[in-house]
């Protein structure tokens, strides 16, 4: 791929990959929202008790999934880092998996193994995608740090070249392996 296209892509995608907007949530707001999420989850779980046996299990899986996704999203709102965004993506994937698994319990025995295999493959694919996005965000953040350091002492032409040179740079990677 053309290095100029890579540089153009990174320049355009850098704010979204790095999470350019800092978190604006105070500790008090964070703790209050976390308590609200716990209260809402308990209410949802108690509402599930009214359902028949099979429906109750599905309802509980949904309630636990909503709880884990809400807490992960809260972490992203409080501390927006590539790791918290990865954990939020994984929480969504886990929630979808457990709901799909409960739905598989309602399928006939002959189709249940296929249903479970599909649910598992969906989980693994979502986790792999989330890991790739996190690595891309970490690499973009590293490249931005390198460019910021070189821009402080260099001309604007060199700072544009910085993006091209740091596209493949990663922390801990030897410069001779490019």
Protein backbone atom coordinates (compact mmCIF):
# COMPACT_ATOMS: atom_id res chain seq x y z
CA UNK A 1 0.00 0.00 0.00
CA UNK A 2 1.18 3.50 -0.76
CA UNK A 3 2.80 5.16 2.30
CA UNK A 4 1.00 8.42 1.52
CA UNK A 5 -2.36 6.64 1.64
CA UNK A 6 -1.42 5.12 4.98
CA UNK A 7 -0.41 8.53 6.30
CA UNK A 8 -3.64 10.07 5.04
CA UNK A 9 -5.67 7.30 6.65
CA UNK A 10 -3.88 7.64 9.98
CA UNK A 11 -4.23 11.41 9.96
CA UNK A 12 -7.97 11.13 9.30
CA UNK A 13 -8.59 8.22 11.67
CA UNK A 14 -6.25 9.25 14.48
CA UNK A 15 -8.79 11.21 16.56
CA UNK A 16 -11.30 8.37 16.50
CA UNK A 17 -8.75 5.62 17.14
CA UNK A 18 -7.04 7.38 20.01
CA UNK A 19 -10.24 8.62 21.62
CA UNK A 20 -9.45 12.31 21.29
CA UNK A 21 -12.12 13.48 23.69
CA UNK A 22 -11.14 13.13 27.32
CA UNK A 23 -13.57 11.71 29.83
CA UNK A 24 -15.66 14.40 31.51
CA UNK A 25 -17.04 12.32 34.34
CA UNK A 26 -16.21 13.06 37.95
CA UNK A 27 -15.58 10.34 40.50
CA UNK A 28 -18.85 11.16 42.26
CA UNK A 29 -20.82 10.87 39.01
CA UNK A 30 -19.05 7.60 38.23
CA UNK A 31 -19.87 6.07 41.62
CA UNK A 32 -23.48 7.30 41.47
CA UNK A 33 -24.02 5.82 38.02
CA UNK A 34 -22.41 2.54 39.08
CA UNK A 35 -24.82 2.32 42.01
CA UNK A 36 -27.76 3.08 39.69
CA UNK A 37 -26.68 0.29 37.33
CA UNK A 38 -26.55 -2.18 40.22
CA UNK A 39 -30.01 -1.11 41.39
CA UNK A 40 -31.46 -1.43 37.88
CA UNK A 41 -29.92 -4.89 37.50
CA UNK A 42 -31.39 -6.11 40.77
CA UNK A 43 -34.81 -4.82 39.72
CA UNK A 44 -34.52 -6.56 36.35
CA UNK A 45 -33.46 -9.81 37.98
CA UNK A 46 -36.36 -9.72 40.42
CA UNK A 47 -38.75 -9.06 37.53
CA UNK A 48 -37.39 -12.21 35.87
CA UNK A 49 -38.66 -14.27 38.80
CA UNK A 50 -42.23 -13.98 37.52
CA UNK A 51 -41.46 -15.83 34.27
CA UNK A 52 -41.73 -19.58 33.69
CA UNK A 53 -38.54 -21.63 34.03
CA UNK A 54 -37.10 -21.36 30.47
CA UNK A 55 -38.10 -17.75 30.04
CA UNK A 56 -36.60 -16.92 33.44
CA UNK A 57 -33.18 -18.17 32.39
CA UNK A 58 -33.28 -16.09 29.21
CA UNK A 59 -34.49 -13.06 31.14
CA UNK A 60 -31.67 -13.46 33.70
CA UNK A 61 -29.09 -13.79 30.92
CA UNK A 62 -30.37 -10.55 29.39
CA UNK A 63 -30.32 -8.76 32.75
CA UNK A 64 -26.76 -9.86 33.51
CA UNK A 65 -25.71 -8.93 29.98
CA UNK A 66 -27.22 -5.47 30.24
CA UNK A 67 -25.47 -5.04 33.60
CA UNK A 68 -22.03 -6.02 32.30
CA UNK A 69 -22.36 -3.88 29.17
CA UNK A 70 -23.58 -0.87 31.17
CA UNK A 71 -20.67 -1.17 33.61
CA UNK A 72 -18.17 -1.53 30.77
CA UNK A 73 -19.62 1.49 28.98
CA UNK A 74 -19.43 3.42 32.24
CA UNK A 75 -15.74 2.57 32.47
CA UNK A 76 -15.26 3.85 28.92
CA UNK A 77 -17.05 7.07 29.82
CA UNK A 78 -14.92 7.48 32.94
CA UNK A 79 -11.56 6.32 31.57
CA UNK A 80 -11.50 6.17 27.80
CA UNK A 81 -8.50 3.99 27.00
CA UNK A 82 -7.98 1.31 24.38
CA UNK A 83 -8.14 -1.31 27.15
CA UNK A 84 -11.51 -0.12 28.51
CA UNK A 85 -12.93 0.04 24.99
CA UNK A 86 -11.70 -3.53 24.42
CA UNK A 87 -13.35 -4.65 27.65
CA UNK A 88 -16.61 -2.97 26.61
CA UNK A 89 -16.53 -4.75 23.25
CA UNK A 90 -15.84 -8.04 24.98
CA UNK A 91 -18.69 -7.43 27.44
CA UNK A 92 -21.07 -6.93 24.50
CA UNK A 93 -19.80 -10.12 22.86
CA UNK A 94 -20.18 -12.09 26.10
CA UNK A 95 -23.70 -10.78 26.62
CA UNK A 96 -24.70 -11.78 23.09
CA UNK A 97 -23.12 -15.20 23.61
CA UNK A 98 -24.95 -15.97 26.86
CA UNK A 99 -28.28 -14.84 25.42
CA UNK A 100 -27.69 -16.96 22.30
CA UNK A 101 -26.73 -19.89 24.51
CA UNK A 102 -29.96 -19.63 26.47
CA UNK A 103 -31.92 -19.45 23.23
CA UNK A 104 -30.11 -22.59 22.04
CA UNK A 105 -31.53 -24.46 25.03
CA UNK A 106 -34.98 -24.07 23.46
CA UNK A 107 -33.96 -25.62 20.15
CA UNK A 108 -34.43 -29.32 19.39
CA UNK A 109 -31.63 -31.65 20.46
CA UNK A 110 -30.52 -32.30 16.86
CA UNK A 111 -29.94 -28.59 16.19
CA UNK A 112 -28.60 -27.60 19.62
CA UNK A 113 -24.93 -28.39 18.92
CA UNK A 114 -25.01 -26.33 15.72
CA UNK A 115 -26.67 -23.47 17.58
CA UNK A 116 -24.04 -23.56 20.33
CA UNK A 117 -21.22 -23.75 17.79
CA UNK A 118 -22.60 -20.67 16.01
CA UNK A 119 -22.87 -18.80 19.30
CA UNK A 120 -19.28 -19.71 20.21
CA UNK A 121 -17.93 -18.71 16.79
CA UNK A 122 -19.74 -15.38 17.05
CA UNK A 123 -18.13 -14.79 20.44
CA UNK A 124 -14.65 -15.64 19.18
CA UNK A 125 -15.04 -13.46 16.09
CA UNK A 126 -16.21 -10.49 18.16
CA UNK A 127 -13.31 -10.92 20.59
CA UNK A 128 -10.80 -11.09 17.74
CA UNK A 129 -12.25 -7.96 16.13
CA UNK A 130 -12.09 -6.11 19.45
CA UNK A 131 -8.45 -7.09 19.94
CA UNK A 132 -7.55 -5.85 16.46
CA UNK A 133 -9.25 -2.51 17.09
CA UNK A 134 -7.43 -2.14 20.42
CA UNK A 135 -4.05 -2.86 18.83
CA UNK A 136 -4.76 -0.33 16.08
CA UNK A 137 -5.65 2.29 18.69
CA UNK A 138 -2.49 1.57 20.69
CA UNK A 139 -0.35 1.81 17.55
CA UNK A 140 -2.05 5.06 16.52
CA UNK A 141 -1.49 6.51 19.99
CA UNK A 142 2.19 5.53 19.86
CA UNK A 143 2.55 7.10 16.41
CA UNK A 144 0.86 10.27 17.64
CA UNK A 145 3.26 10.49 20.59
CA UNK A 146 6.24 10.03 18.30
CA UNK A 147 4.97 12.71 15.92
CA UNK A 148 4.22 15.12 18.74
CA UNK A 149 7.75 14.72 20.05
CA UNK A 150 9.30 15.31 16.64
CA UNK A 151 6.96 18.20 15.82
CA UNK A 152 8.11 20.11 18.87
CA UNK A 153 11.63 20.39 17.43
CA UNK A 154 11.08 20.07 13.69
CA UNK A 155 9.59 21.86 10.74
CA UNK A 156 6.08 21.13 9.52
CA UNK A 157 7.38 19.13 6.53
CA UNK A 158 9.19 16.76 8.86
CA UNK A 159 6.07 16.30 11.01
CA UNK A 160 4.15 15.11 7.94
CA UNK A 161 6.91 12.62 7.24
CA UNK A 162 6.72 11.52 10.87
CA UNK A 163 3.28 9.99 10.34
CA UNK A 164 4.56 7.95 7.41
CA UNK A 165 7.63 6.73 9.33
CA UNK A 166 5.73 5.71 12.46
CA UNK A 167 2.93 3.80 10.73
CA UNK A 168 4.66 0.49 11.32
CA UNK A 169 6.37 1.49 14.56
CA UNK A 170 5.17 -0.26 17.68
CA UNK A 171 6.42 -0.11 21.25
CA UNK A 172 9.15 -2.68 21.84
CA UNK A 173 9.76 -3.27 18.13
CA UNK A 174 13.32 -3.08 16.90
CA UNK A 175 13.93 -0.43 14.26
CA UNK A 176 15.90 -2.88 12.08
CA UNK A 177 12.84 -5.13 11.56
CA UNK A 178 10.89 -2.62 9.47
